[in-house]
Amino acid sequence: MQSQLPLFPEQASNFAPHVDALMGFIILVCLGFAVAVTIAIIVFLYMFRRKSPGAIGVAIHGDMRLESAWIGVPLILALAMFAWGAIVYVDFRRAPPDTLDIYVIGKQWMWKLQQPNGLKEINELHVPVGQNVRLIMSSEDVIHDFSVPAFRVKMDVMPGHYNTLWFRPTRPGKYHFYCSQYCGTNHAIMGGWVTVMEPDEYTAWLAGSGGAHVSPVVAGQTLFAEKACLTCHQSDGKGSAPSLNGVFGGQVRLASGAVVTADEGYIRESILNPNAKIVAGYQPLMPTFQGQLTEEQTLDLITYVRSLQGEPVPSSGAGVIQTAGKN
C-alpha cells in the first residue's frame, strides 16, 4: 500500500515552522474573507430581492462606519502579513556568523557541492543536525534555483554571481531538493537529496568518505602560485598589487572613491574582470582570468583569499580601510 503525499512537507529546519505559520495565517484570512463575502451575497440576495414587479430600490447614501471598516480591516491585515513576512525574510537573508559554509554549483542538469574540507558531492548534500549551514551558490550556465521544501528555503542560482542561503536542520533524515527554475530539457531530473546526520555521524562520514580530496584552501593556494598571483599580490604589500591579507570581509576603497565590501562576489569579479573595480593607489595591471578558470577553481581561489582573513594587514596596504570585525 502506497503512502499518501502529505499536504505539506515535514518541518525539518528552523525556518519551516515560521513559514508554515505565516502561510496558515494568510490562508485563514483569505478563507475568512471568501466565506464572509459568499455569505453576504447569499443573505443580501434573499433580503433585498425584488418582491413585486413594480418595486423600486431605496437610494442608499452609504455609511462612513462601514466604509472605514472595509478599508481599515483589510489594511491592518495586509500590513500584518507584510510585517510578519518581512521578519521571516530578514532572518532568512542574514546568516549567523557560525555557519558551516558549503559551495554549490548548478549546471545543466546536475548539482555539484563541495564540503569545507574539499570533499565533492554530486546531487547529494550531507549536513549535521543542529548546525547552521550556509550555501554559497553560483551557476555555470543558466539560471537555476536551489529549493529544499522540507526546509522551506529556496534561492536563485545565477551565472556570474554568488547568492547565499542558510538554514539549520532540526531533524535527521533524508530530504529531497530540486531545481525549481525551468532550466532546459532535463530540468525535471535536476535534483538530489539532503542527508541530515547526527554531528558525530557527520564527522565520521566526512573523515571516512573515501577517495583523496584536496582542501579548497590548499587547492586555491596552489592555483595562486601556478597563476603567478604571488608575483604581484605579495603578503608584505610591496608588490604592484595590494596584499590580500585581511582583505576578505573588509572594506576596500576604490580608485573612484567608492568603498566596497570584499565579499565572494567582489573577489570573483576581481579575478575574472579585474579592471571593473581598481583599488585606490594601484594601477590596472592585472590580466583577466576569464575563460582560464573553471567555476570550481574560482571558488578555490576565493576560499584561499578568505583563509587570509585573519592575517595581519601590512602598513603599506593601500586601499584597505577596514578589515572584517575591526573598526
C-alpha atoms as a PDB file:
ATOM      1  CA  MET A   1       0.000   0.000   0.000  1.00  0.00           C
ATOM      2  CA  GLN A   2       1.475   3.339  -1.061  1.00  0.00           C
ATOM      3  CA  SER A   3       1.621   6.133   1.494  1.00  0.00           C
ATOM      4  CA  GLN A   4      -0.221   9.307   0.589  1.00  0.00           C
ATOM      5  CA  LEU A   5       1.660  12.519  -0.053  1.00  0.00           C
ATOM      6  CA  PRO A   6       1.342  14.944   2.874  1.00  0.00           C
ATOM      7  CA  LEU A   7      -0.463  18.232   2.416  1.00  0.00           C
ATOM      8  CA  PHE A   8       2.742  19.973   3.500  1.00  0.00           C
ATOM      9  CA  PRO A   9       6.292  18.550   3.579  1.00  0.00           C
ATOM     10  CA  GLU A  10       7.550  17.753   7.056  1.00  0.00           C
ATOM     11  CA  GLN A  11       9.183  20.539   9.018  1.00  0.00           C
ATOM     12  CA  ALA A  12      12.918  19.851   9.103  1.00  0.00           C
ATOM     13  CA  SER A  13      14.592  23.243   9.582  1.00  0.00           C
ATOM     14  CA  ASN A  14      14.455  26.318  11.769  1.00  0.00           C
ATOM     15  CA  PHE A  15      12.528  28.216   9.081  1.00  0.00           C
ATOM     16  CA  ALA A  16       9.804  25.640   8.478  1.00  0.00           C
ATOM     17  CA  PRO A  17       7.538  26.428  11.496  1.00  0.00           C
ATOM     18  CA  HIS A  18       7.706  30.182  10.859  1.00  0.00           C
ATOM     19  CA  VAL A  19       6.951  29.889   7.136  1.00  0.00           C
ATOM     20  CA  ASP A  20       4.082  27.464   7.787  1.00  0.00           C
ATOM     21  CA  ALA A  21       2.614  29.722  10.484  1.00  0.00           C
ATOM     22  CA  LEU A  22       2.705  32.721   8.141  1.00  0.00           C
ATOM     23  CA  MET A  23       1.157  30.753   5.277  1.00  0.00           C
ATOM     24  CA  GLY A  24      -1.506  29.400   7.636  1.00  0.00           C
ATOM     25  CA  PHE A  25      -2.383  32.936   8.718  1.00  0.00           C
ATOM     26  CA  ILE A  26      -2.621  34.148   5.104  1.00  0.00           C
ATOM     27  CA  ILE A  27      -4.791  31.162   4.118  1.00  0.00           C
ATOM     28  CA  LEU A  28      -7.124  31.685   7.088  1.00  0.00           C
ATOM     29  CA  VAL A  29      -7.516  35.396   6.290  1.00  0.00           C
ATOM     30  CA  CYS A  30      -8.271  34.637   2.631  1.00  0.00           C
ATOM     31  CA  LEU A  31     -10.724  31.887   3.549  1.00  0.00           C
ATOM     32  CA  GLY A  32     -12.358  34.162   6.115  1.00  0.00           C
ATOM     33  CA  PHE A  33     -12.961  36.884   3.545  1.00  0.00           C
ATOM     34  CA  ALA A  34     -14.117  34.358   0.942  1.00  0.00           C
ATOM     35  CA  VAL A  35     -16.649  32.830   3.354  1.00  0.00           C
ATOM     36  CA  ALA A  36     -17.826  36.256   4.605  1.00  0.00           C
ATOM     37  CA  VAL A  37     -18.316  37.602   1.075  1.00  0.00           C
ATOM     38  CA  THR A  38     -20.113  34.429  -0.034  1.00  0.00           C
ATOM     39  CA  ILE A  39     -22.470  34.516   2.968  1.00  0.00           C
ATOM     40  CA  ALA A  40     -23.132  38.243   2.417  1.00  0.00           C
ATOM     41  CA  ILE A  41     -24.016  37.625  -1.242  1.00  0.00           C
ATOM     42  CA  ILE A  42     -26.471  34.853  -0.329  1.00  0.00           C
ATOM     43  CA  VAL A  43     -28.055  36.827   2.532  1.00  0.00           C
ATOM     44  CA  PHE A  44     -28.380  40.058   0.535  1.00  0.00           C
ATOM     45  CA  LEU A  45     -29.723  38.142  -2.450  1.00  0.00           C
ATOM     46  CA  TYR A  46     -32.558  36.908  -0.245  1.00  0.00           C
ATOM     47  CA  MET A  47     -33.141  40.073   1.824  1.00  0.00           C
ATOM     48  CA  PHE A  48     -33.050  42.632  -0.970  1.00  0.00           C
ATOM     49  CA  ARG A  49     -34.613  40.744  -3.841  1.00  0.00           C
ATOM     50  CA  ARG A  50     -37.452  42.427  -5.749  1.00  0.00           C
ATOM     51  CA  LYS A  51     -40.666  41.379  -4.024  1.00  0.00           C
ATOM     52  CA  SER A  52     -43.098  42.807  -6.596  1.00  0.00           C
ATOM     53  CA  PRO A  53     -42.844  43.630 -10.314  1.00  0.00           C
ATOM     54  CA  GLY A  54     -43.109  47.405  -9.729  1.00  0.00           C
ATOM     55  CA  ALA A  55     -40.791  47.640  -6.733  1.00  0.00           C
ATOM     56  CA  ILE A  56     -38.082  50.323  -6.886  1.00  0.00           C
ATOM     57  CA  GLY A  57     -34.975  50.086  -4.743  1.00  0.00           C
ATOM     58  CA  VAL A  58     -34.403  52.652  -1.993  1.00  0.00           C
ATOM     59  CA  ALA A  59     -31.485  55.018  -2.567  1.00  0.00           C
ATOM     60  CA  ILE A  60     -28.578  54.275  -0.221  1.00  0.00           C
ATOM     61  CA  HIS A  61     -26.205  57.116   0.715  1.00  0.00           C
ATOM     62  CA  GLY A  62     -23.614  54.965   2.464  1.00  0.00           C
ATOM     63  CA  ASP A  63     -22.281  54.716   5.995  1.00  0.00           C
ATOM     64  CA  MET A  64     -18.861  56.075   6.969  1.00  0.00           C
ATOM     65  CA  ARG A  65     -18.512  53.443   9.669  1.00  0.00           C
ATOM     66  CA  LEU A  66     -18.933  50.692   7.093  1.00  0.00           C
ATOM     67  CA  GLU A  67     -16.613  52.458   4.639  1.00  0.00           C
ATOM     68  CA  SER A  68     -13.939  52.826   7.331  1.00  0.00           C
ATOM     69  CA  ALA A  69     -14.303  49.201   8.395  1.00  0.00           C
ATOM     70  CA  TRP A  70     -13.827  47.650   4.971  1.00  0.00           C
ATOM     71  CA  ILE A  71     -10.841  49.913   4.305  1.00  0.00           C
ATOM     72  CA  GLY A  72      -9.251  49.703   7.754  1.00  0.00           C
ATOM     73  CA  VAL A  73      -9.607  45.991   8.496  1.00  0.00           C
ATOM     74  CA  PRO A  74      -8.056  44.731   5.225  1.00  0.00           C
ATOM     75  CA  LEU A  75      -5.311  47.363   5.558  1.00  0.00           C
ATOM     76  CA  ILE A  76      -4.408  46.181   9.058  1.00  0.00           C
ATOM     77  CA  LEU A  77      -4.426  42.543   7.971  1.00  0.00           C
ATOM     78  CA  ALA A  78      -2.296  43.296   4.886  1.00  0.00           C
ATOM     79  CA  LEU A  79       0.232  45.231   6.985  1.00  0.00           C
ATOM     80  CA  ALA A  80       0.338  42.347   9.475  1.00  0.00           C
ATOM     81  CA  MET A  81       1.127  39.924   6.635  1.00  0.00           C
ATOM     82  CA  PHE A  82       3.818  42.261   5.317  1.00  0.00           C
ATOM     83  CA  ALA A  83       5.447  42.774   8.729  1.00  0.00           C
ATOM     84  CA  TRP A  84       5.385  39.063   9.545  1.00  0.00           C
ATOM     85  CA  GLY A  85       6.792  38.177   6.120  1.00  0.00           C
ATOM     86  CA  ALA A  86       9.497  40.856   6.426  1.00  0.00           C
ATOM     87  CA  ILE A  87      10.641  39.410   9.763  1.00  0.00           C
ATOM     88  CA  VAL A  88      10.926  35.914   8.264  1.00  0.00           C
ATOM     89  CA  TYR A  89      12.688  37.268   5.157  1.00  0.00           C
ATOM     90  CA  VAL A  90      15.249  39.330   7.083  1.00  0.00           C
ATOM     91  CA  ASP A  91      16.069  36.305   9.236  1.00  0.00           C
ATOM     92  CA  PHE A  92      16.453  34.220   6.071  1.00  0.00           C
ATOM     93  CA  ARG A  93      18.793  36.728   4.425  1.00  0.00           C
ATOM     94  CA  ARG A  94      21.015  37.364   7.471  1.00  0.00           C
ATOM     95  CA  ALA A  95      23.135  34.325   8.111  1.00  0.00           C
ATOM     96  CA  PRO A  96      24.647  33.947  11.579  1.00  0.00           C
ATOM     97  CA  PRO A  97      28.456  34.123  11.868  1.00  0.00           C
ATOM     98  CA  ASP A  98      28.975  30.482  12.892  1.00  0.00           C
ATOM     99  CA  THR A  99      27.869  28.796   9.663  1.00  0.00           C
ATOM    100  CA  LEU A 100      29.230  25.685   8.003  1.00  0.00           C
ATOM    101  CA  ASP A 101      29.950  27.040   4.504  1.00  0.00           C
ATOM    102  CA  ILE A 102      29.332  24.740   1.546  1.00  0.00           C
ATOM    103  CA  TYR A 103      29.807  25.758  -2.097  1.00  0.00           C
ATOM    104  CA  VAL A 104      27.130  24.786  -4.620  1.00  0.00           C
ATOM    105  CA  ILE A 105      27.412  24.980  -8.405  1.00  0.00           C
ATOM    106  CA  GLY A 106      24.404  24.459 -10.645  1.00  0.00           C
ATOM    107  CA  LYS A 107      24.966  23.061 -14.109  1.00  0.00           C
ATOM    108  CA  GLN A 108      22.658  21.616 -16.741  1.00  0.00           C
ATOM    109  CA  TRP A 109      21.454  19.293 -15.291  1.00  0.00           C
ATOM    110  CA  MET A 110      23.181  18.491 -12.036  1.00  0.00           C
ATOM    111  CA  TRP A 111      24.282  19.981  -8.721  1.00  0.00           C
ATOM    112  CA  LYS A 112      27.941  19.947  -7.671  1.00  0.00           C
ATOM    113  CA  LEU A 113      28.579  20.580  -3.988  1.00  0.00           C
ATOM    114  CA  GLN A 114      31.808  20.947  -2.040  1.00  0.00           C
ATOM    115  CA  GLN A 115      32.268  20.410   1.685  1.00  0.00           C
ATOM    116  CA  PRO A 116      34.643  22.673   3.672  1.00  0.00           C
ATOM    117  CA  ASN A 117      37.371  20.008   3.623  1.00  0.00           C
ATOM    118  CA  GLY A 118      37.228  19.751  -0.173  1.00  0.00           C
ATOM    119  CA  LEU A 119      35.019  16.661  -0.444  1.00  0.00           C
ATOM    120  CA  LYS A 120      32.856  16.986  -3.546  1.00  0.00           C
ATOM    121  CA  GLU A 121      29.361  15.589  -3.961  1.00  0.00           C
ATOM    122  CA  ILE A 122      27.082  15.243  -6.969  1.00  0.00           C
ATOM    123  CA  ASN A 123      23.356  15.715  -6.318  1.00  0.00           C
ATOM    124  CA  GLU A 124      23.975  14.867  -2.655  1.00  0.00           C
ATOM    125  CA  LEU A 125      24.439  17.098   0.382  1.00  0.00           C
ATOM    126  CA  HIS A 126      25.391  15.858   3.840  1.00  0.00           C
ATOM    127  CA  VAL A 127      24.968  18.220   6.794  1.00  0.00           C
ATOM    128  CA  PRO A 128      24.901  17.834  10.587  1.00  0.00           C
ATOM    129  CA  VAL A 129      21.673  18.373  12.509  1.00  0.00           C
ATOM    130  CA  GLY A 130      21.529  21.487  14.674  1.00  0.00           C
ATOM    131  CA  GLN A 131      24.360  23.213  12.754  1.00  0.00           C
ATOM    132  CA  ASN A 132      23.848  26.499  10.905  1.00  0.00           C
ATOM    133  CA  VAL A 133      24.652  25.800   7.241  1.00  0.00           C
ATOM    134  CA  ARG A 134      25.287  28.425   4.568  1.00  0.00           C
ATOM    135  CA  LEU A 135      25.227  27.560   0.871  1.00  0.00           C
ATOM    136  CA  ILE A 136      27.281  29.808  -1.415  1.00  0.00           C
ATOM    137  CA  MET A 137      25.873  29.211  -4.881  1.00  0.00           C
ATOM    138  CA  SER A 138      26.622  30.022  -8.488  1.00  0.00           C
ATOM    139  CA  SER A 139      25.771  28.630 -11.924  1.00  0.00           C
ATOM    140  CA  GLU A 140      27.986  27.579 -14.806  1.00  0.00           C
ATOM    141  CA  ASP A 141      25.361  28.180 -17.486  1.00  0.00           C
ATOM    142  CA  VAL A 142      21.748  29.346 -16.978  1.00  0.00           C
ATOM    143  CA  ILE A 143      19.609  30.428 -14.027  1.00  0.00           C
ATOM    144  CA  HIS A 144      18.781  27.580 -11.662  1.00  0.00           C
ATOM    145  CA  ASP A 145      17.018  27.581  -8.295  1.00  0.00           C
ATOM    146  CA  PHE A 146      18.017  25.506  -5.270  1.00  0.00           C
ATOM    147  CA  SER A 147      14.912  24.514  -3.301  1.00  0.00           C
ATOM    148  CA  VAL A 148      14.502  22.240  -0.266  1.00  0.00           C
ATOM    149  CA  PRO A 149      10.751  22.035   0.503  1.00  0.00           C
ATOM    150  CA  ALA A 150      11.218  20.329   3.884  1.00  0.00           C
ATOM    151  CA  PHE A 151      13.447  23.237   4.969  1.00  0.00           C
ATOM    152  CA  ARG A 152      11.142  25.879   3.393  1.00  0.00           C
ATOM    153  CA  VAL A 153      14.140  27.525   1.701  1.00  0.00           C
ATOM    154  CA  LYS A 154      14.891  28.319  -1.921  1.00  0.00           C
ATOM    155  CA  MET A 155      17.220  30.685  -3.754  1.00  0.00           C
ATOM    156  CA  ASP A 156      18.009  31.538  -7.365  1.00  0.00           C
ATOM    157  CA  VAL A 157      21.417  30.336  -8.579  1.00  0.00           C
ATOM    158  CA  MET A 158      22.798  32.835 -11.058  1.00  0.00           C
ATOM    159  CA  PRO A 159      25.641  32.644 -13.591  1.00  0.00           C
ATOM    160  CA  GLY A 160      28.419  35.128 -12.844  1.00  0.00           C
ATOM    161  CA  HIS A 161      27.075  35.912  -9.380  1.00  0.00           C
ATOM    162  CA  TYR A 162      27.018  34.393  -5.897  1.00  0.00           C
ATOM    163  CA  ASN A 163      23.793  34.002  -3.954  1.00  0.00           C
ATOM    164  CA  THR A 164      23.633  32.546  -0.471  1.00  0.00           C
ATOM    165  CA  LEU A 165      21.014  30.869   1.667  1.00  0.00           C
ATOM    166  CA  TRP A 166      21.257  29.437   5.153  1.00  0.00           C
ATOM    167  CA  PHE A 167      19.286  27.047   7.297  1.00  0.00           C
ATOM    168  CA  ARG A 168      19.625  24.964  10.448  1.00  0.00           C
ATOM    169  CA  PRO A 169      18.431  21.364  10.061  1.00  0.00           C
ATOM    170  CA  THR A 170      16.377  20.295  13.056  1.00  0.00           C
ATOM    171  CA  ARG A 171      15.563  16.679  12.247  1.00  0.00           C
ATOM    172  CA  PRO A 172      17.843  13.872  10.993  1.00  0.00           C
ATOM    173  CA  GLY A 173      16.638  12.265   7.797  1.00  0.00           C
ATOM    174  CA  LYS A 174      16.803  12.426   4.034  1.00  0.00           C
ATOM    175  CA  TYR A 175      15.086  15.281   2.220  1.00  0.00           C
ATOM    176  CA  HIS A 176      14.655  15.947  -1.477  1.00  0.00           C
ATOM    177  CA  PHE A 177      15.984  19.121  -3.087  1.00  0.00           C
ATOM    178  CA  TYR A 178      15.045  20.390  -6.529  1.00  0.00           C
ATOM    179  CA  CYS A 179      15.823  22.930  -9.191  1.00  0.00           C
ATOM    180  CA  SER A 180      12.636  24.989  -9.121  1.00  0.00           C
ATOM    181  CA  GLN A 181      13.552  27.277 -12.041  1.00  0.00           C
ATOM    182  CA  TYR A 182      12.992  25.854 -15.523  1.00  0.00           C
ATOM    183  CA  CYS A 183      16.483  25.461 -16.960  1.00  0.00           C
ATOM    184  CA  GLY A 184      16.121  23.411 -20.106  1.00  0.00           C
ATOM    185  CA  THR A 185      15.316  19.962 -21.461  1.00  0.00           C
ATOM    186  CA  ASN A 186      16.198  17.856 -18.399  1.00  0.00           C
ATOM    187  CA  HIS A 187      15.093  20.354 -15.769  1.00  0.00           C
ATOM    188  CA  ALA A 188      12.726  17.801 -14.213  1.00  0.00           C
ATOM    189  CA  ILE A 189      15.560  15.433 -13.246  1.00  0.00           C
ATOM    190  CA  MET A 190      17.815  18.113 -11.757  1.00  0.00           C
ATOM    191  CA  GLY A 191      17.527  17.278  -8.080  1.00  0.00           C
ATOM    192  CA  GLY A 192      19.069  15.338  -5.251  1.00  0.00           C
ATOM    193  CA  TRP A 193      18.963  14.592  -1.547  1.00  0.00           C
ATOM    194  CA  VAL A 194      19.996  16.360   1.621  1.00  0.00           C
ATOM    195  CA  THR A 195      21.068  13.853   4.261  1.00  0.00           C
ATOM    196  CA  VAL A 196      20.868  15.325   7.767  1.00  0.00           C
ATOM    197  CA  MET A 197      23.068  13.399  10.184  1.00  0.00           C
ATOM    198  CA  GLU A 198      23.909  13.497  13.866  1.00  0.00           C
ATOM    199  CA  PRO A 199      27.075  15.598  14.406  1.00  0.00           C
ATOM    200  CA  ASP A 200      29.286  12.620  15.306  1.00  0.00           C
ATOM    201  CA  GLU A 201      27.962  10.657  12.322  1.00  0.00           C
ATOM    202  CA  TYR A 202      28.642  13.608  10.035  1.00  0.00           C
ATOM    203  CA  THR A 203      32.201  13.925  11.357  1.00  0.00           C
ATOM    204  CA  ALA A 204      32.787  10.206  10.826  1.00  0.00           C
ATOM    205  CA  TRP A 205      31.279  10.380   7.323  1.00  0.00           C
ATOM    206  CA  LEU A 206      33.458  13.364   6.434  1.00  0.00           C
ATOM    207  CA  ALA A 207      36.598  11.633   7.689  1.00  0.00           C
ATOM    208  CA  GLY A 208      35.899   8.258   6.107  1.00  0.00           C
ATOM    209  CA  SER A 209      34.159   9.240   2.890  1.00  0.00           C
ATOM    210  CA  GLY A 210      36.898   7.620   0.819  1.00  0.00           C
ATOM    211  CA  GLY A 211      38.928   8.979  -2.053  1.00  0.00           C
ATOM    212  CA  ALA A 212      41.608  11.630  -1.833  1.00  0.00           C
ATOM    213  CA  HIS A 213      40.263  15.152  -1.799  1.00  0.00           C
ATOM    214  CA  VAL A 214      42.182  18.383  -1.516  1.00  0.00           C
ATOM    215  CA  SER A 215      41.084  21.168   0.789  1.00  0.00           C
ATOM    216  CA  PRO A 216      39.810  24.144  -1.243  1.00  0.00           C
ATOM    217  CA  VAL A 217      42.244  26.343   0.694  1.00  0.00           C
ATOM    218  CA  VAL A 218      45.176  24.178  -0.402  1.00  0.00           C
ATOM    219  CA  ALA A 219      43.837  23.935  -3.963  1.00  0.00           C
ATOM    220  CA  GLY A 220      43.388  27.708  -4.057  1.00  0.00           C
ATOM    221  CA  GLN A 221      46.874  28.314  -2.684  1.00  0.00           C
ATOM    222  CA  THR A 222      48.314  26.009  -5.363  1.00  0.00           C
ATOM    223  CA  LEU A 223      46.416  27.864  -8.090  1.00  0.00           C
ATOM    224  CA  PHE A 224      47.539  31.175  -6.598  1.00  0.00           C
ATOM    225  CA  ALA A 225      51.135  30.088  -7.110  1.00  0.00           C
ATOM    226  CA  GLU A 226      50.583  28.424 -10.507  1.00  0.00           C
ATOM    227  CA  LYS A 227      48.942  31.536 -11.957  1.00  0.00           C
ATOM    228  CA  ALA A 228      51.824  33.687 -10.621  1.00  0.00           C
ATOM    229  CA  CYS A 229      49.483  35.732  -8.438  1.00  0.00           C
ATOM    230  CA  LEU A 230      52.255  35.767  -5.803  1.00  0.00           C
ATOM    231  CA  THR A 231      54.356  37.968  -8.060  1.00  0.00           C
ATOM    232  CA  CYS A 232      52.107  40.993  -7.569  1.00  0.00           C
ATOM    233  CA  HIS A 233      49.972  40.167  -4.516  1.00  0.00           C
ATOM    234  CA  GLN A 234      52.842  39.964  -2.029  1.00  0.00           C
ATOM    235  CA  SER A 235      51.883  39.435   1.607  1.00  0.00           C
ATOM    236  CA  ASP A 236      54.041  42.376   2.762  1.00  0.00           C
ATOM    237  CA  GLY A 237      52.184  44.776   0.471  1.00  0.00           C
ATOM    238  CA  LYS A 238      55.306  45.688  -1.531  1.00  0.00           C
ATOM    239  CA  GLY A 239      54.107  44.232  -4.808  1.00  0.00           C
ATOM    240  CA  SER A 240      52.442  46.012  -7.697  1.00  0.00           C
ATOM    241  CA  ALA A 241      49.038  44.782  -6.435  1.00  0.00           C
ATOM    242  CA  PRO A 242      47.504  45.006  -2.949  1.00  0.00           C
ATOM    243  CA  SER A 243      48.247  42.386  -0.322  1.00  0.00           C
ATOM    244  CA  LEU A 244      45.320  40.055   0.239  1.00  0.00           C
ATOM    245  CA  ASN A 245      45.955  39.697   3.969  1.00  0.00           C
ATOM    246  CA  GLY A 246      42.856  40.688   5.933  1.00  0.00           C
ATOM    247  CA  VAL A 247      41.027  41.802   2.796  1.00  0.00           C
ATOM    248  CA  PHE A 248      38.137  39.315   2.755  1.00  0.00           C
ATOM    249  CA  GLY A 249      35.084  40.665   4.563  1.00  0.00           C
ATOM    250  CA  GLY A 250      36.680  44.076   4.992  1.00  0.00           C
ATOM    251  CA  GLN A 251      36.070  47.481   3.413  1.00  0.00           C
ATOM    252  CA  VAL A 252      38.153  48.453   0.387  1.00  0.00           C
ATOM    253  CA  ARG A 253      38.469  51.945  -1.074  1.00  0.00           C
ATOM    254  CA  LEU A 254      38.497  52.083  -4.872  1.00  0.00           C
ATOM    255  CA  ALA A 255      40.251  54.498  -7.210  1.00  0.00           C
ATOM    256  CA  SER A 256      36.844  56.036  -7.943  1.00  0.00           C
ATOM    257  CA  GLY A 257      36.464  56.951  -4.255  1.00  0.00           C
ATOM    258  CA  ALA A 258      33.746  54.377  -3.640  1.00  0.00           C
ATOM    259  CA  VAL A 259      34.002  51.863  -0.808  1.00  0.00           C
ATOM    260  CA  VAL A 260      33.036  48.217  -1.314  1.00  0.00           C
ATOM    261  CA  THR A 261      32.879  45.106   0.856  1.00  0.00           C
ATOM    262  CA  ALA A 262      35.333  42.404  -0.163  1.00  0.00           C
ATOM    263  CA  ASP A 263      32.879  39.502  -0.242  1.00  0.00           C
ATOM    264  CA  GLU A 264      32.748  36.463  -2.538  1.00  0.00           C
ATOM    265  CA  GLY A 265      31.223  38.464  -5.379  1.00  0.00           C
ATOM    266  CA  TYR A 266      33.892  41.177  -5.201  1.00  0.00           C
ATOM    267  CA  ILE A 267      36.755  38.649  -5.150  1.00  0.00           C
ATOM    268  CA  ARG A 268      35.210  36.745  -8.071  1.00  0.00           C
ATOM    269  CA  GLU A 269      34.831  39.913 -10.123  1.00  0.00           C
ATOM    270  CA  SER A 270      38.408  40.933  -9.312  1.00  0.00           C
ATOM    271  CA  ILE A 271      39.645  37.598 -10.678  1.00  0.00           C
ATOM    272  CA  LEU A 272      37.564  37.495 -13.854  1.00  0.00           C
ATOM    273  CA  ASN A 273      37.162  41.219 -14.568  1.00  0.00           C
ATOM    274  CA  PRO A 274      39.965  42.928 -12.629  1.00  0.00           C
ATOM    275  CA  ASN A 275      39.550  46.354 -14.227  1.00  0.00           C
ATOM    276  CA  ALA A 276      35.937  46.695 -13.064  1.00  0.00           C
ATOM    277  CA  LYS A 277      36.969  47.926  -9.595  1.00  0.00           C
ATOM    278  CA  ILE A 278      40.526  49.242  -9.212  1.00  0.00           C
ATOM    279  CA  VAL A 279      41.813  49.528  -5.643  1.00  0.00           C
ATOM    280  CA  ALA A 280      42.924  53.048  -4.673  1.00  0.00           C
ATOM    281  CA  GLY A 281      46.677  53.514  -5.018  1.00  0.00           C
ATOM    282  CA  TYR A 282      47.182  50.831  -7.674  1.00  0.00           C
ATOM    283  CA  GLN A 283      47.284  50.702 -11.455  1.00  0.00           C
ATOM    284  CA  PRO A 284      45.020  48.464 -13.627  1.00  0.00           C
ATOM    285  CA  LEU A 285      47.771  45.953 -14.442  1.00  0.00           C
ATOM    286  CA  MET A 286      46.127  42.645 -13.593  1.00  0.00           C
ATOM    287  CA  PRO A 287      45.177  40.441 -16.577  1.00  0.00           C
ATOM    288  CA  THR A 288      41.777  38.807 -16.716  1.00  0.00           C
ATOM    289  CA  PHE A 289      41.380  35.116 -15.952  1.00  0.00           C
ATOM    290  CA  GLN A 290      38.009  34.913 -17.687  1.00  0.00           C
ATOM    291  CA  GLY A 291      37.819  31.601 -19.551  1.00  0.00           C
ATOM    292  CA  GLN A 292      41.014  30.299 -17.906  1.00  0.00           C
ATOM    293  CA  LEU A 293      39.420  29.035 -14.705  1.00  0.00           C
ATOM    294  CA  THR A 294      36.543  26.695 -14.052  1.00  0.00           C
ATOM    295  CA  GLU A 295      33.897  27.711 -11.524  1.00  0.00           C
ATOM    296  CA  GLU A 296      35.403  25.240  -9.039  1.00  0.00           C
ATOM    297  CA  GLN A 297      38.870  26.778  -9.453  1.00  0.00           C
ATOM    298  CA  THR A 298      37.430  30.245  -8.944  1.00  0.00           C
ATOM    299  CA  LEU A 299      35.781  29.058  -5.738  1.00  0.00           C
ATOM    300  CA  ASP A 300      39.087  27.527  -4.587  1.00  0.00           C
ATOM    301  CA  LEU A 301      40.843  30.859  -5.094  1.00  0.00           C
ATOM    302  CA  ILE A 302      38.102  32.686  -3.216  1.00  0.00           C
ATOM    303  CA  THR A 303      38.363  30.194  -0.348  1.00  0.00           C
ATOM    304  CA  TYR A 304      42.120  30.721  -0.201  1.00  0.00           C
ATOM    305  CA  VAL A 305      41.713  34.509  -0.101  1.00  0.00           C
ATOM    306  CA  ARG A 306      39.137  34.044   2.626  1.00  0.00           C
ATOM    307  CA  SER A 307      41.637  31.970   4.639  1.00  0.00           C
ATOM    308  CA  LEU A 308      43.891  35.058   4.743  1.00  0.00           C
ATOM    309  CA  GLN A 309      41.159  36.989   6.567  1.00  0.00           C
ATOM    310  CA  GLY A 310      42.930  36.728   9.912  1.00  0.00           C
ATOM    311  CA  GLU A 311      46.410  37.560   8.603  1.00  0.00           C
ATOM    312  CA  PRO A 312      47.896  40.946   9.586  1.00  0.00           C
ATOM    313  CA  VAL A 313      47.392  43.721   7.054  1.00  0.00           C
ATOM    314  CA  PRO A 314      50.723  45.310   6.101  1.00  0.00           C
ATOM    315  CA  SER A 315      51.136  49.006   6.877  1.00  0.00           C
ATOM    316  CA  SER A 316      51.544  49.663   3.167  1.00  0.00           C
ATOM    317  CA  GLY A 317      48.198  48.027   2.406  1.00  0.00           C
ATOM    318  CA  ALA A 318      46.705  50.838   0.366  1.00  0.00           C
ATOM    319  CA  GLY A 319      43.004  50.614  -0.309  1.00  0.00           C
ATOM    320  CA  VAL A 320      42.067  48.506   2.713  1.00  0.00           C
ATOM    321  CA  ILE A 321      40.378  50.903   5.141  1.00  0.00           C
ATOM    322  CA  GLN A 322      38.714  48.362   7.456  1.00  0.00           C
ATOM    323  CA  THR A 323      39.259  44.665   7.967  1.00  0.00           C
ATOM    324  CA  ALA A 324      36.435  42.305   8.910  1.00  0.00           C
ATOM    325  CA  GLY A 325      35.384  42.705  12.524  1.00  0.00           C
ATOM    326  CA  LYS A 326      37.582  45.754  13.121  1.00  0.00           C
ATOM    327  CA  ASN A 327      36.816  49.462  13.170  1.00  0.00           C
END
